[in-house]
Amino acid sequence: MNSNSEEEIRRELNNMRKTLEEINQKMEPDESKSLLQESIRAILIGIFLVGPAGAVLLALFSL
């Protein structure tokens, strides 16, 4: 390959690397906010899914 196409490949790879870094930064939310959201999500899952499922199982086994 000639040096012109090598330079073009290097530039394109650098552009892709920068784009990937930008995407990764957008995907990484603030850690404290994420922890709070995960805690609230876990509590809501426990209340709305696990709780009723446990109540149904206890009712079935008590029959």
N, C-alpha and C. Protein backbone atom coordinates (compact mmCIF):
# COMPACT_ATOMS: atom_id res chain seq x y z
N MET A 1 0.84 -1.18 0.00
CA MET A 1 0.00 0.00 0.00
C MET A 1 0.89 1.24 0.00
N ASN A 2 0.39 2.28 -0.59
CA ASN A 2 1.17 3.50 -0.59
C ASN A 2 0.90 4.30 0.68
N SER A 3 1.73 5.29 0.94
CA SER A 3 1.63 6.04 2.20
C SER A 3 0.35 6.87 2.27
N ASN A 4 -0.19 7.27 1.12
CA ASN A 4 -1.41 8.06 1.11
C ASN A 4 -2.60 7.25 1.64
N SER A 5 -2.72 6.02 1.20
CA SER A 5 -3.82 5.18 1.67
C SER A 5 -3.61 4.78 3.14
N GLU A 6 -2.35 4.63 3.57
CA GLU A 6 -2.08 4.33 4.98
C GLU A 6 -2.50 5.49 5.87
N GLU A 7 -2.21 6.70 5.43
CA GLU A 7 -2.63 7.89 6.19
C GLU A 7 -4.15 7.98 6.25
N GLU A 8 -4.77 7.67 5.15
CA GLU A 8 -6.24 7.71 5.11
C GLU A 8 -6.83 6.68 6.08
N ILE A 9 -6.23 5.50 6.11
CA ILE A 9 -6.70 4.45 7.03
C ILE A 9 -6.49 4.90 8.47
N ARG A 10 -5.34 5.49 8.76
CA ARG A 10 -5.06 5.98 10.12
C ARG A 10 -6.08 7.05 10.53
N ARG A 11 -6.36 7.98 9.64
CA ARG A 11 -7.35 9.03 9.95
C ARG A 11 -8.73 8.42 10.21
N GLU A 12 -9.08 7.47 9.38
CA GLU A 12 -10.40 6.84 9.54
C GLU A 12 -10.47 6.07 10.86
N LEU A 13 -9.41 5.38 11.21
CA LEU A 13 -9.38 4.66 12.49
C LEU A 13 -9.46 5.62 13.67
N ASN A 14 -8.77 6.74 13.58
CA ASN A 14 -8.84 7.74 14.65
C ASN A 14 -10.25 8.31 14.77
N ASN A 15 -10.90 8.55 13.64
CA ASN A 15 -12.28 9.03 13.67
C ASN A 15 -13.21 8.01 14.33
N MET A 16 -13.01 6.74 13.99
CA MET A 16 -13.84 5.69 14.60
C MET A 16 -13.59 5.60 16.10
N ARG A 17 -12.33 5.70 16.52
CA ARG A 17 -11.99 5.64 17.94
C ARG A 17 -12.66 6.79 18.69
N LYS A 18 -12.59 8.00 18.13
CA LYS A 18 -13.21 9.17 18.77
C LYS A 18 -14.72 8.99 18.86
N THR A 19 -15.31 8.48 17.81
CA THR A 19 -16.76 8.26 17.82
C THR A 19 -17.14 7.23 18.88
N LEU A 20 -16.38 6.16 18.98
CA LEU A 20 -16.66 5.14 20.00
C LEU A 20 -16.49 5.71 21.41
N GLU A 21 -15.50 6.54 21.62
CA GLU A 21 -15.32 7.16 22.94
C GLU A 21 -16.50 8.06 23.28
N GLU A 22 -16.99 8.81 22.30
CA GLU A 22 -18.16 9.67 22.53
C GLU A 22 -19.39 8.84 22.87
N ILE A 23 -19.58 7.74 22.17
CA ILE A 23 -20.73 6.87 22.43
C ILE A 23 -20.62 6.28 23.83
N ASN A 24 -19.42 5.84 24.21
CA ASN A 24 -19.23 5.27 25.54
C ASN A 24 -19.49 6.31 26.62
N GLN A 25 -19.09 7.54 26.41
CA GLN A 25 -19.34 8.59 27.39
C GLN A 25 -20.82 8.87 27.53
N LYS A 26 -21.55 8.82 26.43
CA LYS A 26 -23.00 9.05 26.48
C LYS A 26 -23.70 7.90 27.19
N MET A 27 -23.17 6.68 27.05
CA MET A 27 -23.82 5.51 27.65
C MET A 27 -23.52 5.38 29.13
N GLU A 28 -22.45 5.98 29.63
CA GLU A 28 -22.08 5.88 31.04
C GLU A 28 -22.77 6.99 31.81
N PRO A 29 -23.85 6.68 32.51
CA PRO A 29 -24.54 7.71 33.28
C PRO A 29 -23.76 8.05 34.55
N ASP A 30 -24.19 9.09 35.22
CA ASP A 30 -23.58 9.49 36.48
C ASP A 30 -23.74 8.35 37.48
N GLU A 31 -22.65 7.97 38.17
CA GLU A 31 -22.66 6.81 39.06
C GLU A 31 -23.64 6.96 40.22
N SER A 32 -23.70 8.12 40.85
CA SER A 32 -24.60 8.29 41.99
C SER A 32 -26.06 8.21 41.55
N LYS A 33 -26.36 8.79 40.42
CA LYS A 33 -27.73 8.73 39.90
C LYS A 33 -28.08 7.29 39.53
N SER A 34 -27.14 6.59 38.95
CA SER A 34 -27.38 5.21 38.55
C SER A 34 -27.63 4.33 39.77
N LEU A 35 -26.88 4.54 40.84
CA LEU A 35 -27.06 3.75 42.05
C LEU A 35 -28.44 3.99 42.65
N LEU A 36 -28.87 5.24 42.67
CA LEU A 36 -30.20 5.56 43.19
C LEU A 36 -31.28 4.93 42.33
N GLN A 37 -31.13 5.02 41.01
CA GLN A 37 -32.13 4.44 40.12
C GLN A 37 -32.18 2.92 40.28
N GLU A 38 -31.04 2.27 40.41
CA GLU A 38 -31.02 0.82 40.58
C GLU A 38 -31.66 0.42 41.90
N SER A 39 -31.45 1.19 42.96
CA SER A 39 -32.05 0.90 44.26
C SER A 39 -33.57 1.01 44.18
N ILE A 40 -34.05 2.08 43.58
CA ILE A 40 -35.49 2.28 43.44
C ILE A 40 -36.09 1.17 42.58
N ARG A 41 -35.40 0.82 41.51
CA ARG A 41 -35.88 -0.25 40.62
C ARG A 41 -35.99 -1.58 41.37
N ALA A 42 -34.98 -1.90 42.18
CA ALA A 42 -35.00 -3.15 42.94
C ALA A 42 -36.14 -3.17 43.94
N ILE A 43 -36.39 -2.05 44.60
CA ILE A 43 -37.49 -1.98 45.57
C ILE A 43 -38.84 -2.16 44.86
N LEU A 44 -39.00 -1.49 43.72
CA LEU A 44 -40.27 -1.61 42.99
C LEU A 44 -40.48 -3.03 42.46
N ILE A 45 -39.43 -3.67 42.01
CA ILE A 45 -39.55 -5.06 41.56
C ILE A 45 -39.98 -5.94 42.71
N GLY A 46 -39.39 -5.71 43.87
CA GLY A 46 -39.78 -6.49 45.05
C GLY A 46 -41.23 -6.28 45.42
N ILE A 47 -41.69 -5.05 45.35
CA ILE A 47 -43.07 -4.75 45.75
C ILE A 47 -44.08 -5.30 44.74
N PHE A 48 -43.84 -5.06 43.45
CA PHE A 48 -44.85 -5.37 42.45
C PHE A 48 -44.74 -6.76 41.83
N LEU A 49 -43.60 -7.40 41.89
CA LEU A 49 -43.47 -8.72 41.28
C LEU A 49 -43.28 -9.82 42.31
N VAL A 50 -42.30 -9.67 43.16
CA VAL A 50 -41.97 -10.73 44.11
C VAL A 50 -43.04 -10.84 45.19
N GLY A 51 -43.54 -9.71 45.65
CA GLY A 51 -44.56 -9.73 46.70
C GLY A 51 -45.83 -10.47 46.29
N PRO A 52 -46.46 -10.08 45.19
CA PRO A 52 -47.66 -10.79 44.76
C PRO A 52 -47.40 -12.26 44.41
N ALA A 53 -46.26 -12.55 43.82
CA ALA A 53 -45.93 -13.95 43.49
C ALA A 53 -45.81 -14.76 44.78
N GLY A 54 -45.17 -14.18 45.78
CA GLY A 54 -45.06 -14.87 47.07
C GLY A 54 -46.42 -15.08 47.71
N ALA A 55 -47.29 -14.09 47.61
CA ALA A 55 -48.64 -14.23 48.17
C ALA A 55 -49.42 -15.33 47.47
N VAL A 56 -49.30 -15.41 46.17
CA VAL A 56 -49.99 -16.47 45.41
C VAL A 56 -49.45 -17.84 45.82
N LEU A 57 -48.15 -17.97 45.93
CA LEU A 57 -47.57 -19.27 46.33
C LEU A 57 -48.01 -19.65 47.73
N LEU A 58 -48.02 -18.70 48.66
CA LEU A 58 -48.46 -19.02 50.02
C LEU A 58 -49.94 -19.43 50.02
N ALA A 59 -50.75 -18.76 49.21
CA ALA A 59 -52.17 -19.12 49.13
C ALA A 59 -52.34 -20.51 48.54
N LEU A 60 -51.55 -20.86 47.54
CA LEU A 60 -51.66 -22.19 46.93
C LEU A 60 -51.24 -23.29 47.90
N PHE A 61 -50.18 -23.05 48.66
CA PHE A 61 -49.69 -24.07 49.59
C PHE A 61 -50.56 -24.19 50.84
N SER A 62 -51.32 -23.17 51.14
CA SER A 62 -52.19 -23.23 52.32
C SER A 62 -53.50 -23.95 52.02
N LEU A 63 -53.80 -24.18 50.76
CA LEU A 63 -55.07 -24.86 50.42
C LEU A 63 -55.01 -26.30 50.76
